[in-house]
Amino acid sequence: MMFKELPFLQRFSEAKRSGFDGIELQFPYAESADALHRAATDAGLPVVLMNAPIIPKLYPSGTAGRPEMRAEFRVSAS
């Protein structure tokens, strides 16, 4: 949610320059997992939180950690 003046993947290195020691990602789904990993690694920062897709009325806490929701998660995260 910070550094919106920069492209998403460039925000990782800006976070490092600004003194952060970890990254939270709210809506990273436009980027590949490889690109996210590379940006975090290049910045030298761990990803400490990544919001997962939710189904508000059925699963407001998210679907990523629910094995029975694997297919729904993959569709919503792609």
PDB file of N, CA and C in Angstrom:
ATOM      1  N   MET A   1       0.825  -1.192   0.000  1.00  0.00           N
ATOM      2  CA  MET A   1       0.000   0.000   0.000  1.00  0.00           C
ATOM      3  C   MET A   1       0.871   1.258   0.000  1.00  0.00           C
ATOM      4  N   MET A   2       2.166   1.072   0.138  1.00  0.00           N
ATOM      5  CA  MET A   2       3.079   2.215   0.126  1.00  0.00           C
ATOM      6  C   MET A   2       3.820   2.252  -1.206  1.00  0.00           C
ATOM      7  N   PHE A   3       4.415   3.377  -1.476  1.00  0.00           N
ATOM      8  CA  PHE A   3       5.254   3.578  -2.656  1.00  0.00           C
ATOM      9  C   PHE A   3       4.476   3.363  -3.960  1.00  0.00           C
ATOM     10  N   LYS A   4       3.223   3.785  -3.978  1.00  0.00           N
ATOM     11  CA  LYS A   4       2.377   3.574  -5.152  1.00  0.00           C
ATOM     12  C   LYS A   4       2.847   4.337  -6.383  1.00  0.00           C
ATOM     13  N   GLU A   5       3.776   5.235  -6.200  1.00  0.00           N
ATOM     14  CA  GLU A   5       4.324   5.959  -7.341  1.00  0.00           C
ATOM     15  C   GLU A   5       5.274   5.072  -8.156  1.00  0.00           C
ATOM     16  N   LEU A   6       5.639   3.931  -7.591  1.00  0.00           N
ATOM     17  CA  LEU A   6       6.552   3.001  -8.249  1.00  0.00           C
ATOM     18  C   LEU A   6       5.810   1.781  -8.772  1.00  0.00           C
ATOM     19  N   PRO A   7       6.349   1.146  -9.813  1.00  0.00           N
ATOM     20  CA  PRO A   7       5.793  -0.143 -10.226  1.00  0.00           C
ATOM     21  C   PRO A   7       5.874  -1.136  -9.070  1.00  0.00           C
ATOM     22  N   PHE A   8       4.945  -2.049  -9.024  1.00  0.00           N
ATOM     23  CA  PHE A   8       4.794  -2.956  -7.877  1.00  0.00           C
ATOM     24  C   PHE A   8       6.106  -3.618  -7.468  1.00  0.00           C
ATOM     25  N   LEU A   9       6.821  -4.238  -8.383  1.00  0.00           N
ATOM     26  CA  LEU A   9       8.023  -4.986  -8.013  1.00  0.00           C
ATOM     27  C   LEU A   9       9.168  -4.091  -7.566  1.00  0.00           C
ATOM     28  N   GLN A  10       9.169  -2.843  -7.969  1.00  0.00           N
ATOM     29  CA  GLN A  10      10.207  -1.912  -7.516  1.00  0.00           C
ATOM     30  C   GLN A  10       9.982  -1.457  -6.075  1.00  0.00           C
ATOM     31  N   ARG A  11       8.790  -1.666  -5.581  1.00  0.00           N
ATOM     32  CA  ARG A  11       8.478  -1.249  -4.210  1.00  0.00           C
ATOM     33  C   ARG A  11       9.260  -2.047  -3.171  1.00  0.00           C
ATOM     34  N   PHE A  12       9.668  -3.273  -3.536  1.00  0.00           N
ATOM     35  CA  PHE A  12      10.423  -4.103  -2.598  1.00  0.00           C
ATOM     36  C   PHE A  12      11.739  -3.419  -2.234  1.00  0.00           C
ATOM     37  N   SER A  13      12.496  -3.014  -3.242  1.00  0.00           N
ATOM     38  CA  SER A  13      13.787  -2.371  -2.961  1.00  0.00           C
ATOM     39  C   SER A  13      13.592  -1.018  -2.286  1.00  0.00           C
ATOM     40  N   GLU A  14      12.518  -0.321  -2.612  1.00  0.00           N
ATOM     41  CA  GLU A  14      12.240   0.952  -1.938  1.00  0.00           C
ATOM     42  C   GLU A  14      11.936   0.720  -0.458  1.00  0.00           C
ATOM     43  N   ALA A  15      11.242  -0.352  -0.157  1.00  0.00           N
ATOM     44  CA  ALA A  15      10.973  -0.693   1.246  1.00  0.00           C
ATOM     45  C   ALA A  15      12.281  -0.923   2.004  1.00  0.00           C
ATOM     46  N   LYS A  16      13.196  -1.634   1.371  1.00  0.00           N
ATOM     47  CA  LYS A  16      14.508  -1.878   1.991  1.00  0.00           C
ATOM     48  C   LYS A  16      15.236  -0.559   2.222  1.00  0.00           C
ATOM     49  N   ARG A  17      15.264   0.301   1.195  1.00  0.00           N
ATOM     50  CA  ARG A  17      15.937   1.606   1.332  1.00  0.00           C
ATOM     51  C   ARG A  17      15.301   2.460   2.423  1.00  0.00           C
ATOM     52  N   SER A  18      14.017   2.246   2.659  1.00  0.00           N
ATOM     53  CA  SER A  18      13.303   3.035   3.666  1.00  0.00           C
ATOM     54  C   SER A  18      13.411   2.443   5.062  1.00  0.00           C
ATOM     55  N   GLY A  19      14.135   1.329   5.200  1.00  0.00           N
ATOM     56  CA  GLY A  19      14.380   0.780   6.521  1.00  0.00           C
ATOM     57  C   GLY A  19      13.470  -0.348   6.963  1.00  0.00           C
ATOM     58  N   PHE A  20      12.597  -0.818   6.096  1.00  0.00           N
ATOM     59  CA  PHE A  20      11.722  -1.935   6.471  1.00  0.00           C
ATOM     60  C   PHE A  20      12.528  -3.218   6.523  1.00  0.00           C
ATOM     61  N   ASP A  21      12.085  -4.166   7.369  1.00  0.00           N
ATOM     62  CA  ASP A  21      12.791  -5.439   7.456  1.00  0.00           C
ATOM     63  C   ASP A  21      11.934  -6.611   7.004  1.00  0.00           C
ATOM     64  N   GLY A  22      10.810  -6.333   6.379  1.00  0.00           N
ATOM     65  CA  GLY A  22       9.934  -7.356   5.823  1.00  0.00           C
ATOM     66  C   GLY A  22       8.901  -6.715   4.920  1.00  0.00           C
ATOM     67  N   ILE A  23       8.218  -7.551   4.151  1.00  0.00           N
ATOM     68  CA  ILE A  23       7.245  -7.063   3.166  1.00  0.00           C
ATOM     69  C   ILE A  23       5.907  -7.752   3.386  1.00  0.00           C
ATOM     70  N   GLU A  24       4.845  -6.971   3.340  1.00  0.00           N
ATOM     71  CA  GLU A  24       3.485  -7.500   3.296  1.00  0.00           C
ATOM     72  C   GLU A  24       2.949  -7.237   1.903  1.00  0.00           C
ATOM     73  N   LEU A  25       2.269  -8.219   1.331  1.00  0.00           N
ATOM     74  CA  LEU A  25       1.701  -8.078  -0.006  1.00  0.00           C
ATOM     75  C   LEU A  25       0.193  -8.206   0.092  1.00  0.00           C
ATOM     76  N   GLN A  26      -0.516  -7.204  -0.385  1.00  0.00           N
ATOM     77  CA  GLN A  26      -1.961  -7.259  -0.271  1.00  0.00           C
ATOM     78  C   GLN A  26      -2.612  -7.909  -1.486  1.00  0.00           C
ATOM     79  N   PHE A  27      -2.275  -7.491  -2.683  1.00  0.00           N
ATOM     80  CA  PHE A  27      -2.875  -8.044  -3.893  1.00  0.00           C
ATOM     81  C   PHE A  27      -1.790  -8.291  -4.926  1.00  0.00           C
ATOM     82  N   PRO A  28      -0.993  -9.359  -4.753  1.00  0.00           N
ATOM     83  CA  PRO A  28       0.154  -9.592  -5.631  1.00  0.00           C
ATOM     84  C   PRO A  28      -0.161 -10.415  -6.878  1.00  0.00           C
ATOM     85  N   TYR A  29      -1.426 -10.667  -7.161  1.00  0.00           N
ATOM     86  CA  TYR A  29      -1.792 -11.689  -8.139  1.00  0.00           C
ATOM     87  C   TYR A  29      -1.501 -11.327  -9.590  1.00  0.00           C
ATOM     88  N   ALA A  30      -1.169 -10.092  -9.880  1.00  0.00           N
ATOM     89  CA  ALA A  30      -0.814  -9.716 -11.250  1.00  0.00           C
ATOM     90  C   ALA A  30       0.614 -10.137 -11.581  1.00  0.00           C
ATOM     91  N   GLU A  31       1.395 -10.507 -10.570  1.00  0.00           N
ATOM     92  CA  GLU A  31       2.789 -10.907 -10.768  1.00  0.00           C
ATOM     93  C   GLU A  31       2.940 -12.409 -10.554  1.00  0.00           C
ATOM     94  N   SER A  32       3.898 -13.002 -11.229  1.00  0.00           N
ATOM     95  CA  SER A  32       4.151 -14.432 -11.037  1.00  0.00           C
ATOM     96  C   SER A  32       4.843 -14.653  -9.693  1.00  0.00           C
ATOM     97  N   ALA A  33       4.734 -15.868  -9.197  1.00  0.00           N
ATOM     98  CA  ALA A  33       5.416 -16.219  -7.955  1.00  0.00           C
ATOM     99  C   ALA A  33       6.924 -16.052  -8.115  1.00  0.00           C
ATOM    100  N   ASP A  34       7.447 -16.391  -9.285  1.00  0.00           N
ATOM    101  CA  ASP A  34       8.887 -16.230  -9.528  1.00  0.00           C
ATOM    102  C   ASP A  34       9.305 -14.766  -9.467  1.00  0.00           C
ATOM    103  N   ALA A  35       8.504 -13.884 -10.053  1.00  0.00           N
ATOM    104  CA  ALA A  35       8.827 -12.450 -10.033  1.00  0.00           C
ATOM    105  C   ALA A  35       8.779 -11.901  -8.612  1.00  0.00           C
ATOM    106  N   LEU A  36       7.805 -12.330  -7.830  1.00  0.00           N
ATOM    107  CA  LEU A  36       7.702 -11.889  -6.435  1.00  0.00           C
ATOM    108  C   LEU A  36       8.899 -12.388  -5.634  1.00  0.00           C
ATOM    109  N   HIS A  37       9.254 -13.634  -5.824  1.00  0.00           N
ATOM    110  CA  HIS A  37      10.403 -14.209  -5.118  1.00  0.00           C
ATOM    111  C   HIS A  37      11.682 -13.461  -5.488  1.00  0.00           C
ATOM    112  N   ARG A  38      11.873 -13.209  -6.752  1.00  0.00           N
ATOM    113  CA  ARG A  38      13.072 -12.514  -7.223  1.00  0.00           C
ATOM    114  C   ARG A  38      13.145 -11.104  -6.633  1.00  0.00           C
ATOM    115  N   ALA A  39      12.036 -10.381  -6.637  1.00  0.00           N
ATOM    116  CA  ALA A  39      12.029  -9.013  -6.105  1.00  0.00           C
ATOM    117  C   ALA A  39      12.356  -9.006  -4.612  1.00  0.00           C
ATOM    118  N   ALA A  40      11.773  -9.944  -3.865  1.00  0.00           N
ATOM    119  CA  ALA A  40      12.047 -10.016  -2.429  1.00  0.00           C
ATOM    120  C   ALA A  40      13.501 -10.406  -2.171  1.00  0.00           C
ATOM    121  N   THR A  41      13.993 -11.378  -2.916  1.00  0.00           N
ATOM    122  CA  THR A  41      15.377 -11.822  -2.756  1.00  0.00           C
ATOM    123  C   THR A  41      16.353 -10.713  -3.119  1.00  0.00           C
ATOM    124  N   ASP A  42      16.107 -10.050  -4.244  1.00  0.00           N
ATOM    125  CA  ASP A  42      16.989  -8.959  -4.670  1.00  0.00           C
ATOM    126  C   ASP A  42      17.011  -7.826  -3.649  1.00  0.00           C
ATOM    127  N   ALA A  43      15.867  -7.577  -3.009  1.00  0.00           N
ATOM    128  CA  ALA A  43      15.796  -6.513  -1.993  1.00  0.00           C
ATOM    129  C   ALA A  43      16.363  -6.982  -0.653  1.00  0.00           C
ATOM    130  N   GLY A  44      16.519  -8.288  -0.498  1.00  0.00           N
ATOM    131  CA  GLY A  44      17.015  -8.809   0.774  1.00  0.00           C
ATOM    132  C   GLY A  44      15.986  -8.741   1.884  1.00  0.00           C
ATOM    133  N   LEU A  45      14.713  -8.847   1.518  1.00  0.00           N
ATOM    134  CA  LEU A  45      13.637  -8.767   2.510  1.00  0.00           C
ATOM    135  C   LEU A  45      12.754 -10.002   2.436  1.00  0.00           C
ATOM    136  N   PRO A  46      12.346 -10.531   3.594  1.00  0.00           N
ATOM    137  CA  PRO A  46      11.392 -11.639   3.577  1.00  0.00           C
ATOM    138  C   PRO A  46       9.969 -11.136   3.367  1.00  0.00           C
ATOM    139  N   VAL A  47       9.159 -11.952   2.722  1.00  0.00           N
ATOM    140  CA  VAL A  47       7.719 -11.689   2.653  1.00  0.00           C
ATOM    141  C   VAL A  47       7.136 -12.268   3.930  1.00  0.00           C
ATOM    142  N   VAL A  48       6.586 -11.409   4.777  1.00  0.00           N
ATOM    143  CA  VAL A  48       6.093 -11.854   6.079  1.00  0.00           C
ATOM    144  C   VAL A  48       4.583 -12.053   6.106  1.00  0.00           C
ATOM    145  N   LEU A  49       3.895 -11.539   5.094  1.00  0.00           N
ATOM    146  CA  LEU A  49       2.450 -11.711   5.027  1.00  0.00           C
ATOM    147  C   LEU A  49       2.018 -11.521   3.588  1.00  0.00           C
ATOM    148  N   MET A  50       1.140 -12.400   3.117  1.00  0.00           N
ATOM    149  CA  MET A  50       0.554 -12.242   1.794  1.00  0.00           C
ATOM    150  C   MET A  50      -0.932 -12.547   1.926  1.00  0.00           C
ATOM    151  N   ASN A  51      -1.753 -11.577   1.597  1.00  0.00           N
ATOM    152  CA  ASN A  51      -3.187 -11.806   1.661  1.00  0.00           C
ATOM    153  C   ASN A  51      -3.584 -12.839   0.621  1.00  0.00           C
ATOM    154  N   ALA A  52      -4.457 -13.731   1.005  1.00  0.00           N
ATOM    155  CA  ALA A  52      -4.957 -14.757   0.102  1.00  0.00           C
ATOM    156  C   ALA A  52      -6.380 -14.397  -0.315  1.00  0.00           C
ATOM    157  N   PRO A  53      -6.802 -14.869  -1.473  1.00  0.00           N
ATOM    158  CA  PRO A  53      -8.169 -14.581  -1.916  1.00  0.00           C
ATOM    159  C   PRO A  53      -9.194 -15.106  -0.907  1.00  0.00           C
ATOM    160  N   ILE A  54     -10.299 -14.413  -0.840  1.00  0.00           N
ATOM    161  CA  ILE A  54     -11.382 -14.826   0.054  1.00  0.00           C
ATOM    162  C   ILE A  54     -12.675 -14.974  -0.735  1.00  0.00           C
ATOM    163  N   ILE A  55     -13.623 -15.680  -0.150  1.00  0.00           N
ATOM    164  CA  ILE A  55     -14.998 -15.731  -0.634  1.00  0.00           C
ATOM    165  C   ILE A  55     -15.806 -15.166   0.530  1.00  0.00           C
ATOM    166  N   PRO A  56     -16.155 -13.872   0.470  1.00  0.00           N
ATOM    167  CA  PRO A  56     -16.666 -13.170   1.648  1.00  0.00           C
ATOM    168  C   PRO A  56     -17.734 -13.894   2.458  1.00  0.00           C
ATOM    169  N   LYS A  57     -18.780 -14.379   1.851  1.00  0.00           N
ATOM    170  CA  LYS A  57     -19.864 -14.966   2.643  1.00  0.00           C
ATOM    171  C   LYS A  57     -19.568 -16.397   3.084  1.00  0.00           C
ATOM    172  N   LEU A  58     -18.774 -17.133   2.288  1.00  0.00           N
ATOM    173  CA  LEU A  58     -18.490 -18.526   2.632  1.00  0.00           C
ATOM    174  C   LEU A  58     -17.237 -18.686   3.479  1.00  0.00           C
ATOM    175  N   TYR A  59     -16.155 -18.015   3.068  1.00  0.00           N
ATOM    176  CA  TYR A  59     -14.863 -18.181   3.732  1.00  0.00           C
ATOM    177  C   TYR A  59     -14.186 -16.822   3.901  1.00  0.00           C
ATOM    178  N   PRO A  60     -14.661 -16.003   4.823  1.00  0.00           N
ATOM    179  CA  PRO A  60     -14.086 -14.658   4.989  1.00  0.00           C
ATOM    180  C   PRO A  60     -12.638 -14.679   5.452  1.00  0.00           C
ATOM    181  N   SER A  61     -12.161 -15.789   5.972  1.00  0.00           N
ATOM    182  CA  SER A  61     -10.771 -15.873   6.408  1.00  0.00           C
ATOM    183  C   SER A  61      -9.848 -16.337   5.300  1.00  0.00           C
ATOM    184  N   GLY A  62     -10.389 -16.598   4.122  1.00  0.00           N
ATOM    185  CA  GLY A  62      -9.564 -17.003   2.996  1.00  0.00           C
ATOM    186  C   GLY A  62      -9.717 -18.466   2.636  1.00  0.00           C
ATOM    187  N   THR A  63      -9.190 -18.792   1.468  1.00  0.00           N
ATOM    188  CA  THR A  63      -9.295 -20.153   0.959  1.00  0.00           C
ATOM    189  C   THR A  63      -7.945 -20.841   0.830  1.00  0.00           C
ATOM    190  N   ALA A  64      -6.844 -20.115   0.930  1.00  0.00           N
ATOM    191  CA  ALA A  64      -5.524 -20.680   0.665  1.00  0.00           C
ATOM    192  C   ALA A  64      -5.157 -21.804   1.630  1.00  0.00           C
ATOM    193  N   GLY A  65      -5.591 -21.740   2.855  1.00  0.00           N
ATOM    194  CA  GLY A  65      -5.227 -22.745   3.846  1.00  0.00           C
ATOM    195  C   GLY A  65      -6.245 -23.854   3.999  1.00  0.00           C
ATOM    196  N   ARG A  66      -7.186 -23.944   3.083  1.00  0.00           N
ATOM    197  CA  ARG A  66      -8.243 -24.950   3.190  1.00  0.00           C
ATOM    198  C   ARG A  66      -8.080 -25.970   2.067  1.00  0.00           C
ATOM    199  N   PRO A  67      -7.618 -27.170   2.388  1.00  0.00           N
ATOM    200  CA  PRO A  67      -7.385 -28.174   1.348  1.00  0.00           C
ATOM    201  C   PRO A  67      -8.594 -28.437   0.463  1.00  0.00           C
ATOM    202  N   GLU A  68      -9.773 -28.394   1.035  1.00  0.00           N
ATOM    203  CA  GLU A  68     -10.978 -28.667   0.242  1.00  0.00           C
ATOM    204  C   GLU A  68     -11.310 -27.525  -0.717  1.00  0.00           C
ATOM    205  N   MET A  69     -10.642 -26.390  -0.571  1.00  0.00           N
ATOM    206  CA  MET A  69     -10.888 -25.229  -1.436  1.00  0.00           C
ATOM    207  C   MET A  69      -9.750 -25.027  -2.444  1.00  0.00           C
ATOM    208  N   ARG A  70      -8.896 -26.023  -2.624  1.00  0.00           N
ATOM    209  CA  ARG A  70      -7.724 -25.886  -3.489  1.00  0.00           C
ATOM    210  C   ARG A  70      -8.108 -25.428  -4.903  1.00  0.00           C
ATOM    211  N   ALA A  71      -9.103 -26.040  -5.501  1.00  0.00           N
ATOM    212  CA  ALA A  71      -9.482 -25.683  -6.873  1.00  0.00           C
ATOM    213  C   ALA A  71      -9.980 -24.245  -6.936  1.00  0.00           C
ATOM    214  N   GLU A  72     -10.798 -23.832  -6.000  1.00  0.00           N
ATOM    215  CA  GLU A  72     -11.317 -22.477  -5.975  1.00  0.00           C
ATOM    216  C   GLU A  72     -10.176 -21.455  -5.778  1.00  0.00           C
ATOM    217  N   PHE A  73      -9.242 -21.790  -4.894  1.00  0.00           N
ATOM    218  CA  PHE A  73      -8.101 -20.918  -4.662  1.00  0.00           C
ATOM    219  C   PHE A  73      -7.297 -20.743  -5.936  1.00  0.00           C
ATOM    220  N   ARG A  74      -7.001 -21.824  -6.606  1.00  0.00           N
ATOM    221  CA  ARG A  74      -6.189 -21.737  -7.834  1.00  0.00           C
ATOM    222  C   ARG A  74      -6.875 -20.909  -8.896  1.00  0.00           C
ATOM    223  N   VAL A  75      -8.175 -21.027  -9.018  1.00  0.00           N
ATOM    224  CA  VAL A  75      -8.910 -20.228 -10.007  1.00  0.00           C
ATOM    225  C   VAL A  75      -8.861 -18.757  -9.630  1.00  0.00           C
ATOM    226  N   SER A  76      -9.083 -18.445  -8.370  1.00  0.00           N
ATOM    227  CA  SER A  76      -9.143 -17.045  -7.952  1.00  0.00           C
ATOM    228  C   SER A  76      -7.776 -16.383  -7.937  1.00  0.00           C
ATOM    229  N   ALA A  77      -6.706 -17.154  -7.772  1.00  0.00           N
ATOM    230  CA  ALA A  77      -5.360 -16.590  -7.699  1.00  0.00           C
ATOM    231  C   ALA A  77      -4.662 -16.547  -9.057  1.00  0.00           C
ATOM    232  N   SER A  78      -5.319 -17.038 -10.074  1.00  0.00           N
ATOM    233  CA  SER A  78      -4.653 -17.046 -11.390  1.00  0.00           C
ATOM    234  C   SER A  78      -5.050 -15.860 -12.235  1.00  0.00           C
TER     235      SER A  78
END
